[in-house]
Amino acid sequence: MNKHHKLVYWSGFAVVMALLIVAPLVLPEFWRRFLTEILIWGLLAMSSDVLIGYTGMVSFGHSAFFGLGMYCAAAALLMISPPNLWLAIIFGLAGASAVALFVAYFSTRLRDIYFAITTLIFSQIFYVIIFTWTEVTGGENGLSFSRPRLSIPGVYSVPFTSETLHWFVLAVVTLSYLVLRRIMHSPFGMVLQSIGVLYAVQNRFAAPDFVYFLVSGETVIFNVMGGIGTLVGPIVGAAFFLLLKEVFSRFFTEYYLIPVGVIFIAMVIFMPQGLLGFARRWLNR
């Protein structure tokens, strides 16, 4: 990347960051929460893009790590009094990482469709375990818990508001993006990401649906819509997909996935490079 491209890139990055920082101060409550969810889902999609976009290996197991990260964080928040944000993050990351290592031991020996199917099977196994182990996981009712305080032990402690939660999520997403970007621009480009903790903290709820393989499917859709192998593209794809769902669900109620599916198919046919790839080609004409 030459100096001109670096200047344009970091200038654009600064503008986007400024808009995201100011956004919760001007947006209504619903759209403030919606933007925070876009960032969380975008981080999940970005982490899967490392695998899909840079190695060409399609995984349907991300939902297992996402959901189990949520349950481990929920367990920490329920067992420890008062609830502690940092312990929840440690528990969530440790639990999801342990499961990821277990799945990787078997699935990374395989390639192509066999790898994808193996990750899908593991995702379904964990979903069934969580769904049926009701005395621990709450089954289909899930686990509800109190949101921890945003604190630095012995220095600072305040309850999360929708604004401070948004800024906290934005900080995590930005740091993760910069780390992933640095890794992808280094000779060694392999990383494992687990994002379930953020979604658990925002929603104060963990349920089996987040471990279901459809979450992994949506993550793949985010990548395809935004642009595979771009890191930023999956976040754009997550925003676009979630906005489509929100808009069409208001007009088509339970049939909203039909127009969303039509748009997705059209994009695969006419914009296989995704929104970010299409924008790059259009700007470089």
C-alpha atoms as a PDB file:
ATOM      1  CA  MET A   1       0.000   0.000   0.000  1.00  0.00           C
ATOM      2  CA  ASN A   2       1.572   3.315  -1.125  1.00  0.00           C
ATOM      3  CA  LYS A   3       1.495   6.564   0.849  1.00  0.00           C
ATOM      4  CA  HIS A   4      -1.528   7.946  -1.016  1.00  0.00           C
ATOM      5  CA  HIS A   5      -3.597   4.823  -0.412  1.00  0.00           C
ATOM      6  CA  LYS A   6      -2.527   4.775   3.244  1.00  0.00           C
ATOM      7  CA  LEU A   7      -3.613   8.397   3.659  1.00  0.00           C
ATOM      8  CA  VAL A   8      -6.999   7.719   2.043  1.00  0.00           C
ATOM      9  CA  TYR A   9      -7.478   4.536   4.075  1.00  0.00           C
ATOM     10  CA  TRP A  10      -6.657   6.036   7.487  1.00  0.00           C
ATOM     11  CA  SER A  11      -8.618   9.199   6.723  1.00  0.00           C
ATOM     12  CA  GLY A  12     -11.663   7.084   5.907  1.00  0.00           C
ATOM     13  CA  PHE A  13     -11.055   4.982   9.004  1.00  0.00           C
ATOM     14  CA  ALA A  14     -10.948   8.124  11.181  1.00  0.00           C
ATOM     15  CA  VAL A  15     -14.203   9.443   9.677  1.00  0.00           C
ATOM     16  CA  VAL A  16     -16.019   6.142  10.210  1.00  0.00           C
ATOM     17  CA  MET A  17     -14.741   5.925  13.787  1.00  0.00           C
ATOM     18  CA  ALA A  18     -15.865   9.484  14.513  1.00  0.00           C
ATOM     19  CA  LEU A  19     -19.353   8.730  13.166  1.00  0.00           C
ATOM     20  CA  LEU A  20     -19.613   5.529  15.219  1.00  0.00           C
ATOM     21  CA  ILE A  21     -18.479   7.326  18.382  1.00  0.00           C
ATOM     22  CA  VAL A  22     -21.013  10.132  17.946  1.00  0.00           C
ATOM     23  CA  ALA A  23     -23.858   7.860  16.752  1.00  0.00           C
ATOM     24  CA  PRO A  24     -25.245   6.796  20.183  1.00  0.00           C
ATOM     25  CA  LEU A  25     -25.539  10.446  21.198  1.00  0.00           C
ATOM     26  CA  VAL A  26     -27.878  11.296  18.312  1.00  0.00           C
ATOM     27  CA  LEU A  27     -29.691   8.041  17.488  1.00  0.00           C
ATOM     28  CA  PRO A  28     -32.974   6.940  19.123  1.00  0.00           C
ATOM     29  CA  GLU A  29     -32.742   4.059  21.594  1.00  0.00           C
ATOM     30  CA  PHE A  30     -33.834   1.374  19.102  1.00  0.00           C
ATOM     31  CA  TRP A  31     -31.316   2.345  16.418  1.00  0.00           C
ATOM     32  CA  ARG A  32     -28.598   2.820  19.023  1.00  0.00           C
ATOM     33  CA  ARG A  33     -29.075  -0.783  20.144  1.00  0.00           C
ATOM     34  CA  PHE A  34     -29.379  -1.916  16.528  1.00  0.00           C
ATOM     35  CA  LEU A  35     -26.023  -0.334  15.632  1.00  0.00           C
ATOM     36  CA  THR A  36     -24.374  -2.048  18.598  1.00  0.00           C
ATOM     37  CA  GLU A  37     -25.742  -5.404  17.419  1.00  0.00           C
ATOM     38  CA  ILE A  38     -24.388  -4.728  13.932  1.00  0.00           C
ATOM     39  CA  LEU A  39     -20.929  -4.249  15.430  1.00  0.00           C
ATOM     40  CA  ILE A  40     -21.179  -7.515  17.402  1.00  0.00           C
ATOM     41  CA  TRP A  41     -22.419  -9.572  14.459  1.00  0.00           C
ATOM     42  CA  GLY A  42     -19.872  -7.836  12.253  1.00  0.00           C
ATOM     43  CA  LEU A  43     -17.083  -8.947  14.589  1.00  0.00           C
ATOM     44  CA  LEU A  44     -18.329 -12.530  14.378  1.00  0.00           C
ATOM     45  CA  ALA A  45     -18.417 -12.295  10.575  1.00  0.00           C
ATOM     46  CA  MET A  46     -14.975 -10.681  10.472  1.00  0.00           C
ATOM     47  CA  SER A  47     -13.460 -13.487  12.528  1.00  0.00           C
ATOM     48  CA  SER A  48     -14.997 -16.129  10.254  1.00  0.00           C
ATOM     49  CA  ASP A  49     -13.675 -14.229   7.229  1.00  0.00           C
ATOM     50  CA  VAL A  50     -10.160 -15.027   8.400  1.00  0.00           C
ATOM     51  CA  LEU A  51     -10.996 -18.685   7.803  1.00  0.00           C
ATOM     52  CA  ILE A  52     -13.313 -18.390   4.798  1.00  0.00           C
ATOM     53  CA  GLY A  53     -11.674 -15.510   2.968  1.00  0.00           C
ATOM     54  CA  TYR A  54      -7.997 -16.227   3.579  1.00  0.00           C
ATOM     55  CA  THR A  55      -7.855 -20.026   3.690  1.00  0.00           C
ATOM     56  CA  GLY A  56     -10.899 -20.907   1.592  1.00  0.00           C
ATOM     57  CA  MET A  57     -12.277 -23.224   4.292  1.00  0.00           C
ATOM     58  CA  VAL A  58     -16.004 -22.767   4.935  1.00  0.00           C
ATOM     59  CA  SER A  59     -16.935 -23.443   8.564  1.00  0.00           C
ATOM     60  CA  PHE A  60     -20.414 -23.928  10.001  1.00  0.00           C
ATOM     61  CA  GLY A  61     -19.038 -24.268  13.524  1.00  0.00           C
ATOM     62  CA  HIS A  62     -18.800 -20.602  14.441  1.00  0.00           C
ATOM     63  CA  SER A  63     -22.212 -20.732  16.081  1.00  0.00           C
ATOM     64  CA  ALA A  64     -20.851 -23.270  18.592  1.00  0.00           C
ATOM     65  CA  PHE A  65     -18.046 -20.939  19.693  1.00  0.00           C
ATOM     66  CA  PHE A  66     -20.345 -17.914  19.657  1.00  0.00           C
ATOM     67  CA  GLY A  67     -23.060 -19.605  21.708  1.00  0.00           C
ATOM     68  CA  LEU A  68     -20.741 -21.395  24.116  1.00  0.00           C
ATOM     69  CA  GLY A  69     -18.893 -18.136  24.727  1.00  0.00           C
ATOM     70  CA  MET A  70     -22.254 -16.677  25.734  1.00  0.00           C
ATOM     71  CA  TYR A  71     -23.051 -19.558  28.099  1.00  0.00           C
ATOM     72  CA  CYS A  72     -19.629 -19.457  29.762  1.00  0.00           C
ATOM     73  CA  ALA A  73     -19.959 -15.706  30.255  1.00  0.00           C
ATOM     74  CA  ALA A  74     -23.480 -16.218  31.624  1.00  0.00           C
ATOM     75  CA  ALA A  75     -22.193 -18.882  34.049  1.00  0.00           C
ATOM     76  CA  ALA A  76     -19.573 -16.456  35.387  1.00  0.00           C
ATOM     77  CA  LEU A  77     -22.149 -13.691  35.811  1.00  0.00           C
ATOM     78  CA  LEU A  78     -24.563 -16.008  37.628  1.00  0.00           C
ATOM     79  CA  MET A  79     -22.022 -17.674  39.908  1.00  0.00           C
ATOM     80  CA  ILE A  80     -19.963 -14.658  40.950  1.00  0.00           C
ATOM     81  CA  SER A  81     -21.466 -11.899  43.081  1.00  0.00           C
ATOM     82  CA  PRO A  82     -21.366  -9.082  42.266  1.00  0.00           C
ATOM     83  CA  PRO A  83     -21.237  -9.805  38.506  1.00  0.00           C
ATOM     84  CA  ASN A  84     -17.798  -9.004  37.107  1.00  0.00           C
ATOM     85  CA  LEU A  85     -17.376  -8.007  33.440  1.00  0.00           C
ATOM     86  CA  TRP A  86     -13.722  -9.013  33.145  1.00  0.00           C
ATOM     87  CA  LEU A  87     -14.226 -12.435  34.698  1.00  0.00           C
ATOM     88  CA  ALA A  88     -17.168 -12.981  32.333  1.00  0.00           C
ATOM     89  CA  ILE A  89     -14.911 -12.119  29.389  1.00  0.00           C
ATOM     90  CA  ILE A  90     -12.193 -14.480  30.633  1.00  0.00           C
ATOM     91  CA  PHE A  91     -14.684 -17.310  31.216  1.00  0.00           C
ATOM     92  CA  GLY A  92     -16.310 -16.762  27.810  1.00  0.00           C
ATOM     93  CA  LEU A  93     -13.044 -16.696  25.895  1.00  0.00           C
ATOM     94  CA  ALA A  94     -11.567 -19.641  27.797  1.00  0.00           C
ATOM     95  CA  GLY A  95     -14.661 -21.818  27.338  1.00  0.00           C
ATOM     96  CA  ALA A  96     -15.068 -21.040  23.655  1.00  0.00           C
ATOM     97  CA  SER A  97     -11.331 -21.502  23.023  1.00  0.00           C
ATOM     98  CA  ALA A  98     -11.323 -24.898  24.739  1.00  0.00           C
ATOM     99  CA  VAL A  99     -14.233 -26.081  22.603  1.00  0.00           C
ATOM    100  CA  ALA A 100     -12.581 -24.624  19.495  1.00  0.00           C
ATOM    101  CA  LEU A 101      -9.384 -26.572  20.186  1.00  0.00           C
ATOM    102  CA  PHE A 102     -11.396 -29.766  20.644  1.00  0.00           C
ATOM    103  CA  VAL A 103     -13.265 -29.257  17.357  1.00  0.00           C
ATOM    104  CA  ALA A 104     -10.076 -28.217  15.550  1.00  0.00           C
ATOM    105  CA  TYR A 105      -8.325 -31.434  16.591  1.00  0.00           C
ATOM    106  CA  PHE A 106     -10.750 -33.393  14.428  1.00  0.00           C
ATOM    107  CA  SER A 107     -11.906 -30.965  11.742  1.00  0.00           C
ATOM    108  CA  THR A 108      -8.552 -29.501  10.645  1.00  0.00           C
ATOM    109  CA  ARG A 109      -7.483 -32.924   9.440  1.00  0.00           C
ATOM    110  CA  LEU A 110     -10.124 -32.602   6.718  1.00  0.00           C
ATOM    111  CA  ARG A 111     -10.577 -30.329   3.713  1.00  0.00           C
ATOM    112  CA  ASP A 112     -13.296 -28.865   1.494  1.00  0.00           C
ATOM    113  CA  ILE A 113     -16.828 -30.206   2.005  1.00  0.00           C
ATOM    114  CA  TYR A 114     -15.664 -32.709   4.632  1.00  0.00           C
ATOM    115  CA  PHE A 115     -14.351 -29.880   6.808  1.00  0.00           C
ATOM    116  CA  ALA A 116     -17.611 -27.924   6.436  1.00  0.00           C
ATOM    117  CA  ILE A 117     -19.777 -30.947   7.265  1.00  0.00           C
ATOM    118  CA  THR A 118     -17.633 -31.862  10.294  1.00  0.00           C
ATOM    119  CA  THR A 119     -17.933 -28.364  11.753  1.00  0.00           C
ATOM    120  CA  LEU A 120     -21.689 -28.473  11.098  1.00  0.00           C
ATOM    121  CA  ILE A 121     -22.008 -31.796  12.948  1.00  0.00           C
ATOM    122  CA  PHE A 122     -20.080 -30.492  15.963  1.00  0.00           C
ATOM    123  CA  SER A 123     -22.283 -27.400  16.020  1.00  0.00           C
ATOM    124  CA  GLN A 124     -25.390 -29.597  16.092  1.00  0.00           C
ATOM    125  CA  ILE A 125     -23.949 -31.811  18.826  1.00  0.00           C
ATOM    126  CA  PHE A 126     -23.319 -28.830  21.098  1.00  0.00           C
ATOM    127  CA  TYR A 127     -26.766 -27.443  20.290  1.00  0.00           C
ATOM    128  CA  VAL A 128     -28.461 -30.705  21.345  1.00  0.00           C
ATOM    129  CA  ILE A 129     -26.390 -30.890  24.551  1.00  0.00           C
ATOM    130  CA  ILE A 130     -27.297 -27.335  25.524  1.00  0.00           C
ATOM    131  CA  PHE A 131     -30.942 -27.748  24.537  1.00  0.00           C
ATOM    132  CA  THR A 132     -31.414 -30.934  26.584  1.00  0.00           C
ATOM    133  CA  TRP A 133     -29.203 -30.207  29.640  1.00  0.00           C
ATOM    134  CA  THR A 134     -31.934 -28.069  31.173  1.00  0.00           C
ATOM    135  CA  GLU A 135     -30.765 -28.146  34.800  1.00  0.00           C
ATOM    136  CA  VAL A 136     -27.528 -26.384  33.787  1.00  0.00           C
ATOM    137  CA  THR A 137     -28.364 -24.430  30.631  1.00  0.00           C
ATOM    138  CA  GLY A 138     -32.037 -23.720  31.159  1.00  0.00           C
ATOM    139  CA  GLY A 139     -32.891 -25.583  27.956  1.00  0.00           C
ATOM    140  CA  GLU A 140     -34.994 -23.646  25.464  1.00  0.00           C
ATOM    141  CA  ASN A 141     -35.740 -21.022  28.124  1.00  0.00           C
ATOM    142  CA  GLY A 142     -32.072 -20.071  28.257  1.00  0.00           C
ATOM    143  CA  LEU A 143     -30.311 -18.225  31.068  1.00  0.00           C
ATOM    144  CA  SER A 144     -31.107 -14.682  32.182  1.00  0.00           C
ATOM    145  CA  PHE A 145     -28.682 -12.639  34.259  1.00  0.00           C
ATOM    146  CA  SER A 146     -27.840  -9.121  35.377  1.00  0.00           C
ATOM    147  CA  ARG A 147     -25.562  -6.991  33.263  1.00  0.00           C
ATOM    148  CA  PRO A 148     -22.219  -6.368  35.027  1.00  0.00           C
ATOM    149  CA  ARG A 149     -20.885  -2.891  35.708  1.00  0.00           C
ATOM    150  CA  LEU A 150     -18.231  -1.271  33.550  1.00  0.00           C
ATOM    151  CA  SER A 151     -15.350  -1.054  35.957  1.00  0.00           C
ATOM    152  CA  ILE A 152     -11.646  -0.856  36.554  1.00  0.00           C
ATOM    153  CA  PRO A 153     -11.125  -2.570  39.935  1.00  0.00           C
ATOM    154  CA  GLY A 154     -10.416  -0.051  42.664  1.00  0.00           C
ATOM    155  CA  VAL A 155     -10.514   2.896  40.256  1.00  0.00           C
ATOM    156  CA  TYR A 156     -13.786   3.206  38.360  1.00  0.00           C
ATOM    157  CA  SER A 157     -17.187   1.531  38.387  1.00  0.00           C
ATOM    158  CA  VAL A 158     -20.447   2.618  36.696  1.00  0.00           C
ATOM    159  CA  PRO A 159     -23.508   0.782  35.377  1.00  0.00           C
ATOM    160  CA  PHE A 160     -23.595   0.177  31.638  1.00  0.00           C
ATOM    161  CA  THR A 161     -25.863   2.518  29.703  1.00  0.00           C
ATOM    162  CA  SER A 162     -26.761   1.982  26.050  1.00  0.00           C
ATOM    163  CA  GLU A 163     -24.162   4.643  25.165  1.00  0.00           C
ATOM    164  CA  THR A 164     -21.303   3.242  27.247  1.00  0.00           C
ATOM    165  CA  LEU A 165     -22.097  -0.306  26.099  1.00  0.00           C
ATOM    166  CA  HIS A 166     -21.938   0.858  22.484  1.00  0.00           C
ATOM    167  CA  TRP A 167     -18.558   2.517  23.057  1.00  0.00           C
ATOM    168  CA  PHE A 168     -17.234  -0.551  24.858  1.00  0.00           C
ATOM    169  CA  VAL A 169     -18.310  -2.826  21.991  1.00  0.00           C
ATOM    170  CA  LEU A 170     -16.887  -0.364  19.463  1.00  0.00           C
ATOM    171  CA  ALA A 171     -13.542  -0.397  21.288  1.00  0.00           C
ATOM    172  CA  VAL A 172     -13.423  -4.214  21.260  1.00  0.00           C
ATOM    173  CA  VAL A 173     -14.410  -4.411  17.578  1.00  0.00           C
ATOM    174  CA  THR A 174     -11.879  -1.734  16.584  1.00  0.00           C
ATOM    175  CA  LEU A 175      -9.053  -3.377  18.531  1.00  0.00           C
ATOM    176  CA  SER A 176      -9.930  -6.786  17.060  1.00  0.00           C
ATOM    177  CA  TYR A 177     -10.018  -5.346  13.542  1.00  0.00           C
ATOM    178  CA  LEU A 178      -6.626  -3.674  13.929  1.00  0.00           C
ATOM    179  CA  VAL A 179      -5.092  -6.860  15.356  1.00  0.00           C
ATOM    180  CA  LEU A 180      -6.582  -9.006  12.582  1.00  0.00           C
ATOM    181  CA  ARG A 181      -5.485  -6.498   9.953  1.00  0.00           C
ATOM    182  CA  ARG A 182      -1.947  -6.562  11.325  1.00  0.00           C
ATOM    183  CA  ILE A 183      -1.921 -10.350  11.332  1.00  0.00           C
ATOM    184  CA  MET A 184      -3.290 -10.533   7.789  1.00  0.00           C
ATOM    185  CA  HIS A 185      -0.508  -8.191   6.656  1.00  0.00           C
ATOM    186  CA  SER A 186       2.148 -10.274   8.397  1.00  0.00           C
ATOM    187  CA  PRO A 187       3.800 -13.450   7.066  1.00  0.00           C
ATOM    188  CA  PHE A 188       1.933 -15.493   9.627  1.00  0.00           C
ATOM    189  CA  GLY A 189      -1.833 -15.162   9.116  1.00  0.00           C
ATOM    190  CA  MET A 190      -3.766 -17.470  11.401  1.00  0.00           C
ATOM    191  CA  VAL A 191      -5.969 -16.476  14.325  1.00  0.00           C
ATOM    192  CA  LEU A 192      -8.783 -17.807  16.456  1.00  0.00           C
ATOM    193  CA  GLN A 193     -11.556 -15.411  17.495  1.00  0.00           C
ATOM    194  CA  SER A 194     -14.454 -15.848  19.955  1.00  0.00           C
ATOM    195  CA  ILE A 195     -17.137 -13.132  20.173  1.00  0.00           C
ATOM    196  CA  GLY A 196     -20.040 -14.602  22.171  1.00  0.00           C
ATOM    197  CA  VAL A 197     -19.250 -12.604  25.358  1.00  0.00           C
ATOM    198  CA  LEU A 198     -20.261  -9.225  23.870  1.00  0.00           C
ATOM    199  CA  TYR A 199     -23.680 -10.425  22.751  1.00  0.00           C
ATOM    200  CA  ALA A 200     -24.319 -12.007  26.130  1.00  0.00           C
ATOM    201  CA  VAL A 201     -23.486  -8.769  27.960  1.00  0.00           C
ATOM    202  CA  GLN A 202     -25.715  -6.714  25.665  1.00  0.00           C
ATOM    203  CA  ASN A 203     -28.784  -8.976  25.848  1.00  0.00           C
ATOM    204  CA  ARG A 204     -28.400 -10.360  29.406  1.00  0.00           C
ATOM    205  CA  PHE A 205     -29.581 -13.684  27.998  1.00  0.00           C
ATOM    206  CA  ALA A 206     -28.074 -16.892  26.594  1.00  0.00           C
ATOM    207  CA  ALA A 207     -30.172 -19.402  24.642  1.00  0.00           C
ATOM    208  CA  PRO A 208     -29.621 -22.564  22.555  1.00  0.00           C
ATOM    209  CA  ASP A 209     -30.612 -20.716  19.359  1.00  0.00           C
ATOM    210  CA  PHE A 210     -27.227 -18.972  19.351  1.00  0.00           C
ATOM    211  CA  VAL A 211     -25.452 -22.344  19.132  1.00  0.00           C
ATOM    212  CA  TYR A 212     -27.670 -23.536  16.272  1.00  0.00           C
ATOM    213  CA  PHE A 213     -25.933 -23.973  12.907  1.00  0.00           C
ATOM    214  CA  LEU A 214     -28.170 -21.325  11.291  1.00  0.00           C
ATOM    215  CA  VAL A 215     -26.095 -18.688  13.103  1.00  0.00           C
ATOM    216  CA  SER A 216     -23.042 -20.026  11.252  1.00  0.00           C
ATOM    217  CA  GLY A 217     -25.050 -19.892   8.022  1.00  0.00           C
ATOM    218  CA  GLU A 218     -25.894 -16.244   8.609  1.00  0.00           C
ATOM    219  CA  THR A 219     -22.222 -15.570   9.294  1.00  0.00           C
ATOM    220  CA  VAL A 220     -21.342 -17.003   5.877  1.00  0.00           C
ATOM    221  CA  ILE A 221     -24.065 -14.794   4.340  1.00  0.00           C
ATOM    222  CA  PHE A 222     -22.522 -11.729   6.017  1.00  0.00           C
ATOM    223  CA  ASN A 223     -19.203 -12.605   4.376  1.00  0.00           C
ATOM    224  CA  VAL A 224     -20.684 -13.176   0.926  1.00  0.00           C
ATOM    225  CA  MET A 225     -22.796 -10.016   0.996  1.00  0.00           C
ATOM    226  CA  GLY A 226     -19.976  -7.791   2.240  1.00  0.00           C
ATOM    227  CA  GLY A 227     -16.994  -9.288   0.468  1.00  0.00           C
ATOM    228  CA  ILE A 228     -14.965 -12.360   1.350  1.00  0.00           C
ATOM    229  CA  GLY A 229     -11.329 -11.838   2.269  1.00  0.00           C
ATOM    230  CA  THR A 230     -11.630  -8.147   3.163  1.00  0.00           C
ATOM    231  CA  LEU A 231     -12.153  -8.056   6.986  1.00  0.00           C
ATOM    232  CA  VAL A 232     -14.232  -4.861   6.672  1.00  0.00           C
ATOM    233  CA  GLY A 233     -16.590  -6.441   4.136  1.00  0.00           C
ATOM    234  CA  PRO A 234     -18.203  -8.864   6.609  1.00  0.00           C
ATOM    235  CA  ILE A 235     -19.097  -5.961   8.914  1.00  0.00           C
ATOM    236  CA  VAL A 236     -20.686  -4.166   5.948  1.00  0.00           C
ATOM    237  CA  GLY A 237     -22.463  -7.404   5.032  1.00  0.00           C
ATOM    238  CA  ALA A 238     -23.760  -7.854   8.588  1.00  0.00           C
ATOM    239  CA  ALA A 239     -25.111  -4.287   8.586  1.00  0.00           C
ATOM    240  CA  PHE A 240     -26.774  -4.744   5.185  1.00  0.00           C
ATOM    241  CA  PHE A 241     -28.319  -8.121   6.059  1.00  0.00           C
ATOM    242  CA  LEU A 242     -29.640  -6.975   9.441  1.00  0.00           C
ATOM    243  CA  LEU A 243     -31.080  -3.815   7.897  1.00  0.00           C
ATOM    244  CA  LEU A 244     -32.823  -5.887   5.213  1.00  0.00           C
ATOM    245  CA  LYS A 245     -34.306  -8.145   7.895  1.00  0.00           C
ATOM    246  CA  GLU A 246     -35.459  -5.173   9.953  1.00  0.00           C
ATOM    247  CA  VAL A 247     -37.063  -3.316   7.023  1.00  0.00           C
ATOM    248  CA  PHE A 248     -38.741  -6.294   5.346  1.00  0.00           C
ATOM    249  CA  SER A 249     -40.008  -7.773   8.624  1.00  0.00           C
ATOM    250  CA  ARG A 250     -42.077  -4.623   9.084  1.00  0.00           C
ATOM    251  CA  PHE A 251     -43.860  -5.127   5.764  1.00  0.00           C
ATOM    252  CA  PHE A 252     -43.877  -8.902   5.205  1.00  0.00           C
ATOM    253  CA  THR A 253     -44.007 -10.082   8.864  1.00  0.00           C
ATOM    254  CA  GLU A 254     -43.157 -13.820   8.943  1.00  0.00           C
ATOM    255  CA  TYR A 255     -42.463 -13.912   5.183  1.00  0.00           C
ATOM    256  CA  TYR A 256     -39.672 -11.346   5.338  1.00  0.00           C
ATOM    257  CA  LEU A 257     -36.972 -13.918   4.493  1.00  0.00           C
ATOM    258  CA  ILE A 258     -38.412 -14.335   0.983  1.00  0.00           C
ATOM    259  CA  PRO A 259     -37.378 -10.873  -0.303  1.00  0.00           C
ATOM    260  CA  VAL A 260     -34.142 -11.086   1.698  1.00  0.00           C
ATOM    261  CA  GLY A 261     -33.386 -14.416   0.006  1.00  0.00           C
ATOM    262  CA  VAL A 262     -34.162 -13.000  -3.438  1.00  0.00           C
ATOM    263  CA  ILE A 263     -31.761 -10.095  -2.851  1.00  0.00           C
ATOM    264  CA  PHE A 264     -29.060 -12.475  -1.599  1.00  0.00           C
ATOM    265  CA  ILE A 265     -29.402 -14.709  -4.685  1.00  0.00           C
ATOM    266  CA  ALA A 266     -29.266 -11.654  -6.955  1.00  0.00           C
ATOM    267  CA  MET A 267     -26.089 -10.490  -5.213  1.00  0.00           C
ATOM    268  CA  VAL A 268     -24.441 -13.895  -5.584  1.00  0.00           C
ATOM    269  CA  ILE A 269     -25.218 -13.847  -9.325  1.00  0.00           C
ATOM    270  CA  PHE A 270     -24.534 -10.206 -10.172  1.00  0.00           C
ATOM    271  CA  MET A 271     -22.126  -9.120  -7.396  1.00  0.00           C
ATOM    272  CA  PRO A 272     -20.152 -12.235  -6.408  1.00  0.00           C
ATOM    273  CA  GLN A 273     -17.384 -10.001  -5.033  1.00  0.00           C
ATOM    274  CA  GLY A 274     -19.817  -8.530  -2.453  1.00  0.00           C
ATOM    275  CA  LEU A 275     -20.674  -4.933  -1.648  1.00  0.00           C
ATOM    276  CA  LEU A 276     -17.128  -3.898  -0.768  1.00  0.00           C
ATOM    277  CA  GLY A 277     -15.651  -5.555  -3.843  1.00  0.00           C
ATOM    278  CA  PHE A 278     -18.298  -3.940  -6.055  1.00  0.00           C
ATOM    279  CA  ALA A 279     -17.573  -0.521  -4.531  1.00  0.00           C
ATOM    280  CA  ARG A 280     -13.847  -0.952  -5.125  1.00  0.00           C
ATOM    281  CA  ARG A 281     -14.370  -1.910  -8.768  1.00  0.00           C
ATOM    282  CA  TRP A 282     -16.769   0.979  -9.309  1.00  0.00           C
ATOM    283  CA  LEU A 283     -14.358   3.516  -7.756  1.00  0.00           C
ATOM    284  CA  ASN A 284     -11.411   2.183  -9.789  1.00  0.00           C
ATOM    285  CA  ARG A 285     -13.176   2.412 -13.155  1.00  0.00           C
END
